């Protein structure tokens, strides 16, 4: 909070006037920069696409979205590593919703015979964790999308 106040060139007490705690400030940042609506919209565009086209669209869209929200995501990753952080409770429902929507798409492609039967959670986690790792390491995402 002290660093934030210094960066904003305001008194630290002013931040506490609007946000009684660091957790409440972080919750407000997450709410304002919630990725879920954009992620849902991206996944909704996949419904009728063949697997190869849909997965490429998702990967490119995810790379773009993560790049746009790089600073917020780095904050989330850093804060989630803190044992005192309450951020996990706010982020988990968003994560579960995105996984459910993308799993539904992948299950449809499995049913259509385009993909071998598998547990969709595994490739979803591999893709997103790879992207997040590159993001935290400040590496470009685009070269690894395809």
N, C-alpha and C. Protein backbone atom coordinates (compact mmCIF):
# COMPACT_ATOMS: atom_id res chain seq x y z
N UNK A 1 0.83 -1.19 0.00
CA UNK A 1 0.00 0.00 0.00
C UNK A 1 0.88 1.25 0.00
N UNK A 2 1.98 1.15 0.72
CA UNK A 2 2.91 2.28 0.77
C UNK A 2 3.48 2.56 -0.63
N UNK A 3 3.88 1.51 -1.33
CA UNK A 3 4.44 1.67 -2.67
C UNK A 3 3.40 2.24 -3.63
N UNK A 4 2.18 1.77 -3.51
CA UNK A 4 1.11 2.26 -4.37
C UNK A 4 0.85 3.75 -4.12
N UNK A 5 0.80 4.13 -2.87
CA UNK A 5 0.58 5.54 -2.52
C UNK A 5 1.72 6.40 -3.06
N UNK A 6 2.94 5.92 -2.95
CA UNK A 6 4.09 6.68 -3.45
C UNK A 6 4.00 6.82 -4.98
N UNK A 7 3.65 5.74 -5.65
CA UNK A 7 3.53 5.78 -7.11
C UNK A 7 2.43 6.74 -7.56
N UNK A 8 1.32 6.74 -6.83
CA UNK A 8 0.19 7.62 -7.17
C UNK A 8 0.38 9.04 -6.65
N UNK A 9 1.44 9.21 -5.87
CA UNK A 9 1.73 10.51 -5.25
C UNK A 9 0.57 11.02 -4.41
N UNK A 10 0.06 10.12 -3.57
CA UNK A 10 -1.01 10.46 -2.64
C UNK A 10 -0.64 9.93 -1.26
N UNK A 11 -1.36 10.39 -0.27
CA UNK A 11 -1.14 9.90 1.09
C UNK A 11 -1.67 8.47 1.20
N UNK A 12 -0.96 7.65 1.93
CA UNK A 12 -1.37 6.25 2.10
C UNK A 12 -2.77 6.17 2.72
N UNK A 13 -3.08 7.09 3.59
CA UNK A 13 -4.39 7.10 4.24
C UNK A 13 -5.53 7.26 3.26
N UNK A 14 -5.28 7.94 2.16
CA UNK A 14 -6.32 8.11 1.15
C UNK A 14 -6.71 6.77 0.52
N UNK A 15 -5.76 5.91 0.32
CA UNK A 15 -6.07 4.57 -0.22
C UNK A 15 -6.95 3.83 0.78
N UNK A 16 -6.60 3.93 2.07
CA UNK A 16 -7.38 3.23 3.08
C UNK A 16 -8.77 3.83 3.25
N UNK A 17 -8.95 5.06 2.84
CA UNK A 17 -10.29 5.66 2.87
C UNK A 17 -11.22 4.91 1.93
N UNK A 18 -10.71 4.54 0.77
CA UNK A 18 -11.52 3.86 -0.25
C UNK A 18 -11.45 2.33 -0.12
N UNK A 19 -10.33 1.83 0.34
CA UNK A 19 -10.12 0.38 0.45
C UNK A 19 -9.54 0.09 1.83
N UNK A 20 -10.36 -0.42 2.74
CA UNK A 20 -9.91 -0.64 4.12
C UNK A 20 -8.74 -1.62 4.26
N UNK A 21 -8.52 -2.45 3.25
CA UNK A 21 -7.41 -3.40 3.35
C UNK A 21 -6.82 -3.66 1.97
N UNK A 22 -5.64 -4.25 1.98
CA UNK A 22 -5.00 -4.62 0.73
C UNK A 22 -5.85 -5.63 -0.03
N UNK A 23 -6.45 -6.58 0.68
CA UNK A 23 -7.30 -7.58 0.04
C UNK A 23 -8.49 -6.94 -0.69
N UNK A 24 -9.07 -5.92 -0.07
CA UNK A 24 -10.21 -5.25 -0.72
C UNK A 24 -9.76 -4.46 -1.94
N UNK A 25 -8.59 -3.88 -1.88
CA UNK A 25 -8.04 -3.19 -3.05
C UNK A 25 -7.79 -4.18 -4.18
N UNK A 26 -7.17 -5.30 -3.86
CA UNK A 26 -6.90 -6.33 -4.87
C UNK A 26 -8.19 -6.89 -5.45
N UNK A 27 -9.19 -7.07 -4.62
CA UNK A 27 -10.48 -7.57 -5.11
C UNK A 27 -11.10 -6.58 -6.10
N UNK A 28 -10.97 -5.29 -5.81
CA UNK A 28 -11.51 -4.28 -6.72
C UNK A 28 -10.74 -4.27 -8.04
N UNK A 29 -9.43 -4.44 -7.98
CA UNK A 29 -8.62 -4.51 -9.21
C UNK A 29 -9.04 -5.72 -10.03
N UNK A 30 -9.19 -6.86 -9.38
CA UNK A 30 -9.60 -8.07 -10.10
C UNK A 30 -10.99 -7.94 -10.70
N UNK A 31 -11.89 -7.34 -9.96
CA UNK A 31 -13.25 -7.15 -10.47
C UNK A 31 -13.25 -6.25 -11.70
N UNK A 32 -12.47 -5.21 -11.64
CA UNK A 32 -12.41 -4.28 -12.78
C UNK A 32 -11.73 -4.89 -14.00
N UNK A 33 -10.74 -5.73 -13.76
CA UNK A 33 -9.97 -6.33 -14.86
C UNK A 33 -10.27 -7.82 -15.02
N UNK A 34 -11.49 -8.22 -14.72
CA UNK A 34 -11.92 -9.60 -14.81
C UNK A 34 -11.78 -10.09 -16.26
N UNK A 35 -11.04 -11.16 -16.44
CA UNK A 35 -10.83 -11.73 -17.77
C UNK A 35 -11.99 -12.61 -18.23
N UNK A 36 -12.83 -13.05 -17.31
CA UNK A 36 -13.85 -14.03 -17.65
C UNK A 36 -14.79 -13.59 -18.77
N UNK A 37 -15.34 -12.37 -18.78
CA UNK A 37 -16.23 -12.02 -19.88
C UNK A 37 -15.55 -12.12 -21.26
N UNK A 38 -14.31 -11.67 -21.35
CA UNK A 38 -13.59 -11.77 -22.62
C UNK A 38 -13.28 -13.21 -22.97
N UNK A 39 -12.94 -13.99 -21.97
CA UNK A 39 -12.64 -15.40 -22.20
C UNK A 39 -13.90 -16.16 -22.61
N UNK A 40 -15.02 -15.86 -21.96
CA UNK A 40 -16.30 -16.47 -22.34
C UNK A 40 -16.66 -16.13 -23.78
N UNK A 41 -16.52 -14.87 -24.13
CA UNK A 41 -16.84 -14.46 -25.50
C UNK A 41 -15.96 -15.19 -26.51
N UNK A 42 -14.68 -15.34 -26.19
CA UNK A 42 -13.77 -16.07 -27.07
C UNK A 42 -14.21 -17.53 -27.22
N UNK A 43 -14.49 -18.19 -26.13
CA UNK A 43 -14.90 -19.60 -26.17
C UNK A 43 -16.22 -19.76 -26.90
N UNK A 44 -17.13 -18.80 -26.74
CA UNK A 44 -18.42 -18.88 -27.43
C UNK A 44 -18.27 -18.82 -28.95
N UNK A 45 -17.17 -18.25 -29.45
CA UNK A 45 -16.98 -18.20 -30.91
C UNK A 45 -16.51 -19.53 -31.47
N UNK A 46 -16.20 -20.49 -30.62
CA UNK A 46 -15.65 -21.77 -31.07
C UNK A 46 -16.71 -22.80 -31.40
N UNK A 47 -17.93 -22.64 -30.92
CA UNK A 47 -18.95 -23.68 -30.95
C UNK A 47 -19.00 -24.55 -32.19
N UNK A 48 -19.08 -23.99 -33.35
CA UNK A 48 -19.26 -24.78 -34.57
C UNK A 48 -17.98 -24.98 -35.36
N UNK A 49 -16.86 -24.58 -34.81
CA UNK A 49 -15.61 -24.70 -35.55
C UNK A 49 -15.00 -26.09 -35.40
N UNK A 50 -14.36 -26.59 -36.46
CA UNK A 50 -13.61 -27.84 -36.33
C UNK A 50 -12.50 -27.66 -35.29
N UNK A 51 -12.04 -28.77 -34.74
CA UNK A 51 -11.08 -28.74 -33.63
C UNK A 51 -9.83 -27.94 -33.96
N UNK A 52 -9.21 -28.20 -35.10
CA UNK A 52 -7.96 -27.49 -35.41
C UNK A 52 -8.17 -25.98 -35.48
N UNK A 53 -9.20 -25.58 -36.17
CA UNK A 53 -9.49 -24.14 -36.31
C UNK A 53 -9.90 -23.53 -34.97
N UNK A 54 -10.73 -24.23 -34.23
CA UNK A 54 -11.20 -23.72 -32.94
C UNK A 54 -10.08 -23.60 -31.92
N UNK A 55 -9.22 -24.61 -31.88
CA UNK A 55 -8.12 -24.56 -30.91
C UNK A 55 -7.09 -23.49 -31.25
N UNK A 56 -6.85 -23.30 -32.55
CA UNK A 56 -5.95 -22.21 -32.95
C UNK A 56 -6.55 -20.86 -32.61
N UNK A 57 -7.84 -20.70 -32.88
CA UNK A 57 -8.51 -19.43 -32.54
C UNK A 57 -8.43 -19.19 -31.03
N UNK A 58 -8.68 -20.25 -30.25
CA UNK A 58 -8.62 -20.09 -28.80
C UNK A 58 -7.21 -19.72 -28.35
N UNK A 59 -6.21 -20.44 -28.86
CA UNK A 59 -4.83 -20.18 -28.44
C UNK A 59 -4.40 -18.76 -28.79
N UNK A 60 -4.70 -18.31 -30.01
CA UNK A 60 -4.34 -16.95 -30.40
C UNK A 60 -5.12 -15.93 -29.56
N UNK A 61 -6.40 -16.18 -29.36
CA UNK A 61 -7.21 -15.27 -28.55
C UNK A 61 -6.74 -15.21 -27.12
N UNK A 62 -6.39 -16.37 -26.56
CA UNK A 62 -5.89 -16.41 -25.19
C UNK A 62 -4.55 -15.68 -25.09
N UNK A 63 -3.68 -15.88 -26.06
CA UNK A 63 -2.38 -15.19 -26.05
C UNK A 63 -2.59 -13.68 -26.11
N UNK A 64 -3.51 -13.24 -26.93
CA UNK A 64 -3.80 -11.80 -27.03
C UNK A 64 -4.35 -11.26 -25.72
N UNK A 65 -5.33 -11.98 -25.17
CA UNK A 65 -5.96 -11.54 -23.93
C UNK A 65 -4.96 -11.51 -22.77
N UNK A 66 -4.15 -12.54 -22.66
CA UNK A 66 -3.16 -12.58 -21.58
C UNK A 66 -2.12 -11.47 -21.75
N UNK A 67 -1.74 -11.21 -22.98
CA UNK A 67 -0.77 -10.13 -23.23
C UNK A 67 -1.36 -8.78 -22.83
N UNK A 68 -2.63 -8.56 -23.16
CA UNK A 68 -3.30 -7.30 -22.81
C UNK A 68 -3.41 -7.13 -21.30
N UNK A 69 -3.60 -8.22 -20.60
CA UNK A 69 -3.80 -8.18 -19.14
C UNK A 69 -2.55 -8.61 -18.38
N UNK A 70 -1.40 -8.53 -19.02
CA UNK A 70 -0.13 -9.00 -18.46
C UNK A 70 0.13 -8.47 -17.05
N UNK A 71 -0.02 -7.19 -16.84
CA UNK A 71 0.30 -6.61 -15.53
C UNK A 71 -0.63 -7.12 -14.43
N UNK A 72 -1.91 -7.21 -14.74
CA UNK A 72 -2.86 -7.70 -13.75
C UNK A 72 -2.59 -9.18 -13.45
N UNK A 73 -2.28 -9.95 -14.48
CA UNK A 73 -2.01 -11.37 -14.27
C UNK A 73 -0.74 -11.59 -13.46
N UNK A 74 0.26 -10.78 -13.67
CA UNK A 74 1.48 -10.90 -12.86
C UNK A 74 1.16 -10.59 -11.40
N UNK A 75 0.31 -9.60 -11.17
CA UNK A 75 -0.12 -9.27 -9.82
C UNK A 75 -0.85 -10.46 -9.20
N UNK A 76 -1.76 -11.07 -9.95
CA UNK A 76 -2.53 -12.22 -9.45
C UNK A 76 -1.58 -13.36 -9.09
N UNK A 77 -0.65 -13.68 -9.98
CA UNK A 77 0.28 -14.77 -9.71
C UNK A 77 1.11 -14.48 -8.46
N UNK A 78 1.61 -13.27 -8.36
CA UNK A 78 2.43 -12.91 -7.20
C UNK A 78 1.62 -13.00 -5.91
N UNK A 79 0.43 -12.48 -5.92
CA UNK A 79 -0.39 -12.47 -4.72
C UNK A 79 -0.88 -13.87 -4.35
N UNK A 80 -1.12 -14.70 -5.34
CA UNK A 80 -1.58 -16.07 -5.04
C UNK A 80 -0.50 -16.87 -4.35
N UNK A 81 0.75 -16.48 -4.54
CA UNK A 81 1.85 -17.19 -3.87
C UNK A 81 1.93 -16.84 -2.39
N UNK A 82 1.28 -15.77 -2.01
CA UNK A 82 1.29 -15.36 -0.60
C UNK A 82 0.33 -16.25 0.19
N UNK A 83 0.80 -16.80 1.30
CA UNK A 83 -0.09 -17.67 2.10
C UNK A 83 -1.25 -16.90 2.74
N UNK A 84 -1.14 -15.60 2.82
CA UNK A 84 -2.20 -14.80 3.44
C UNK A 84 -3.23 -14.28 2.44
N UNK A 85 -3.00 -14.51 1.17
CA UNK A 85 -3.87 -13.94 0.14
C UNK A 85 -5.25 -14.58 0.13
N UNK A 86 -6.26 -13.75 -0.02
CA UNK A 86 -7.63 -14.24 -0.15
C UNK A 86 -8.06 -14.23 -1.62
N UNK A 87 -7.12 -13.95 -2.50
CA UNK A 87 -7.41 -13.81 -3.92
C UNK A 87 -7.89 -15.11 -4.55
N UNK A 88 -7.42 -16.23 -4.07
CA UNK A 88 -7.79 -17.51 -4.65
C UNK A 88 -9.30 -17.71 -4.65
N UNK A 89 -9.95 -17.32 -3.59
CA UNK A 89 -11.41 -17.47 -3.50
C UNK A 89 -12.11 -16.67 -4.59
N UNK A 90 -11.55 -15.56 -5.00
CA UNK A 90 -12.16 -14.74 -6.04
C UNK A 90 -11.85 -15.28 -7.43
N UNK A 91 -10.68 -15.84 -7.63
CA UNK A 91 -10.25 -16.28 -8.95
C UNK A 91 -10.78 -17.66 -9.32
N UNK A 92 -10.91 -18.55 -8.35
CA UNK A 92 -11.31 -19.93 -8.64
C UNK A 92 -12.64 -20.05 -9.40
N UNK A 93 -13.70 -19.34 -9.02
CA UNK A 93 -14.95 -19.48 -9.79
C UNK A 93 -14.79 -19.06 -11.25
N UNK A 94 -13.98 -18.04 -11.52
CA UNK A 94 -13.75 -17.61 -12.90
C UNK A 94 -13.04 -18.71 -13.66
N UNK A 95 -12.04 -19.29 -13.02
CA UNK A 95 -11.26 -20.37 -13.64
C UNK A 95 -12.15 -21.57 -13.95
N UNK A 96 -12.98 -21.96 -12.99
CA UNK A 96 -13.86 -23.11 -13.18
C UNK A 96 -14.86 -22.88 -14.31
N UNK A 97 -15.39 -21.68 -14.41
CA UNK A 97 -16.34 -21.34 -15.48
C UNK A 97 -15.67 -21.44 -16.85
N UNK A 98 -14.48 -20.91 -16.98
CA UNK A 98 -13.75 -20.96 -18.25
C UNK A 98 -13.41 -22.41 -18.62
N UNK A 99 -12.98 -23.19 -17.65
CA UNK A 99 -12.65 -24.60 -17.90
C UNK A 99 -13.90 -25.37 -18.33
N UNK A 100 -15.02 -25.12 -17.68
CA UNK A 100 -16.26 -25.81 -18.04
C UNK A 100 -16.68 -25.50 -19.48
N UNK A 101 -16.59 -24.24 -19.87
CA UNK A 101 -16.97 -23.85 -21.24
C UNK A 101 -16.04 -24.46 -22.28
N UNK A 102 -14.75 -24.41 -22.03
CA UNK A 102 -13.81 -24.96 -22.99
C UNK A 102 -13.91 -26.49 -23.02
N UNK A 103 -14.14 -27.11 -21.88
CA UNK A 103 -14.33 -28.57 -21.84
C UNK A 103 -15.54 -28.97 -22.67
N UNK A 104 -16.59 -28.19 -22.60
CA UNK A 104 -17.80 -28.46 -23.39
C UNK A 104 -17.47 -28.44 -24.89
N UNK A 105 -16.70 -27.46 -25.30
CA UNK A 105 -16.28 -27.40 -26.72
C UNK A 105 -15.47 -28.64 -27.08
N UNK A 106 -14.48 -28.99 -26.26
CA UNK A 106 -13.63 -30.14 -26.56
C UNK A 106 -14.44 -31.44 -26.56
N UNK A 107 -15.38 -31.58 -25.65
CA UNK A 107 -16.23 -32.77 -25.63
C UNK A 107 -17.04 -32.87 -26.93
N UNK A 108 -17.49 -31.73 -27.44
CA UNK A 108 -18.21 -31.72 -28.72
C UNK A 108 -17.32 -32.17 -29.86
N UNK A 109 -16.06 -31.79 -29.84
CA UNK A 109 -15.14 -32.20 -30.91
C UNK A 109 -14.78 -33.68 -30.77
N UNK A 110 -14.74 -34.19 -29.54
CA UNK A 110 -14.53 -35.62 -29.32
C UNK A 110 -15.73 -36.40 -29.86
N UNK A 111 -16.93 -35.93 -29.52
CA UNK A 111 -18.16 -36.59 -29.99
C UNK A 111 -18.26 -36.57 -31.52
N UNK A 112 -17.72 -35.53 -32.15
CA UNK A 112 -17.76 -35.43 -33.61
C UNK A 112 -16.68 -36.30 -34.26
N UNK A 113 -15.82 -36.91 -33.46
CA UNK A 113 -14.77 -37.78 -33.98
C UNK A 113 -13.53 -37.05 -34.45
N UNK A 114 -13.43 -35.76 -34.14
CA UNK A 114 -12.26 -34.97 -34.56
C UNK A 114 -11.08 -35.14 -33.60
N UNK A 115 -11.37 -35.46 -32.37
CA UNK A 115 -10.33 -35.64 -31.35
C UNK A 115 -10.51 -37.01 -30.70
N UNK A 116 -9.39 -37.59 -30.30
CA UNK A 116 -9.46 -38.84 -29.56
C UNK A 116 -10.07 -38.57 -28.19
N UNK A 117 -10.76 -39.57 -27.64
CA UNK A 117 -11.32 -39.38 -26.29
C UNK A 117 -10.20 -39.06 -25.29
N UNK A 118 -10.44 -38.07 -24.48
CA UNK A 118 -9.48 -37.67 -23.45
C UNK A 118 -10.19 -36.81 -22.42
N UNK A 119 -9.51 -36.55 -21.34
CA UNK A 119 -10.01 -35.66 -20.30
C UNK A 119 -9.62 -34.24 -20.69
N UNK A 120 -10.58 -33.39 -21.09
CA UNK A 120 -10.25 -32.04 -21.56
C UNK A 120 -9.47 -31.18 -20.57
N UNK A 121 -9.60 -31.44 -19.29
CA UNK A 121 -8.91 -30.62 -18.29
C UNK A 121 -7.40 -30.64 -18.49
N UNK A 122 -6.86 -31.78 -18.91
CA UNK A 122 -5.40 -31.90 -19.04
C UNK A 122 -4.84 -30.95 -20.11
N UNK A 123 -5.31 -30.97 -21.36
CA UNK A 123 -4.75 -30.02 -22.33
C UNK A 123 -5.06 -28.57 -22.00
N UNK A 124 -6.20 -28.32 -21.37
CA UNK A 124 -6.54 -26.95 -20.98
C UNK A 124 -5.51 -26.44 -19.97
N UNK A 125 -5.21 -27.26 -18.97
CA UNK A 125 -4.24 -26.85 -17.96
C UNK A 125 -2.84 -26.72 -18.54
N UNK A 126 -2.47 -27.62 -19.44
CA UNK A 126 -1.15 -27.53 -20.06
C UNK A 126 -1.01 -26.23 -20.86
N UNK A 127 -2.01 -25.91 -21.64
CA UNK A 127 -1.96 -24.69 -22.45
C UNK A 127 -1.91 -23.44 -21.57
N UNK A 128 -2.84 -23.35 -20.64
CA UNK A 128 -2.91 -22.12 -19.84
C UNK A 128 -1.69 -21.98 -18.92
N UNK A 129 -1.24 -23.08 -18.34
CA UNK A 129 -0.08 -22.95 -17.46
C UNK A 129 1.18 -22.60 -18.25
N UNK A 130 1.31 -23.13 -19.46
CA UNK A 130 2.46 -22.76 -20.31
C UNK A 130 2.42 -21.28 -20.64
N UNK A 131 1.24 -20.79 -21.01
CA UNK A 131 1.10 -19.38 -21.34
C UNK A 131 1.39 -18.51 -20.12
N UNK A 132 0.86 -18.89 -18.97
CA UNK A 132 1.08 -18.09 -17.76
C UNK A 132 2.55 -18.08 -17.35
N UNK A 133 3.23 -19.21 -17.53
CA UNK A 133 4.66 -19.27 -17.23
C UNK A 133 5.43 -18.31 -18.12
N UNK A 134 5.14 -18.33 -19.40
CA UNK A 134 5.81 -17.40 -20.32
C UNK A 134 5.49 -15.96 -19.97
N UNK A 135 4.26 -15.72 -19.58
CA UNK A 135 3.84 -14.37 -19.20
C UNK A 135 4.62 -13.87 -18.00
N UNK A 136 4.73 -14.70 -16.97
CA UNK A 136 5.46 -14.31 -15.76
C UNK A 136 6.94 -14.08 -16.07
N UNK A 137 7.49 -14.87 -16.99
CA UNK A 137 8.89 -14.72 -17.38
C UNK A 137 9.11 -13.62 -18.41
N UNK A 138 8.02 -12.92 -18.74
CA UNK A 138 8.04 -11.83 -19.72
C UNK A 138 8.58 -12.28 -21.08
N UNK A 139 8.14 -13.45 -21.50
CA UNK A 139 8.48 -13.98 -22.82
C UNK A 139 7.28 -13.82 -23.74
N UNK A 140 7.51 -13.68 -25.04
CA UNK A 140 6.38 -13.53 -25.97
C UNK A 140 5.59 -14.84 -26.08
N UNK A 141 4.29 -14.73 -26.19
CA UNK A 141 3.42 -15.90 -26.30
C UNK A 141 3.21 -16.34 -27.75
N UNK A 142 3.17 -15.39 -28.65
CA UNK A 142 2.80 -15.67 -30.03
C UNK A 142 3.64 -16.74 -30.70
N UNK A 143 4.96 -16.79 -30.50
CA UNK A 143 5.74 -17.81 -31.20
C UNK A 143 5.39 -19.25 -30.82
N UNK A 144 4.77 -19.47 -29.68
CA UNK A 144 4.47 -20.84 -29.25
C UNK A 144 3.00 -21.23 -29.45
N UNK A 145 2.20 -20.33 -29.96
CA UNK A 145 0.76 -20.60 -30.06
C UNK A 145 0.47 -21.82 -30.93
N UNK A 146 0.96 -21.86 -32.13
CA UNK A 146 0.65 -22.99 -33.01
C UNK A 146 1.27 -24.27 -32.49
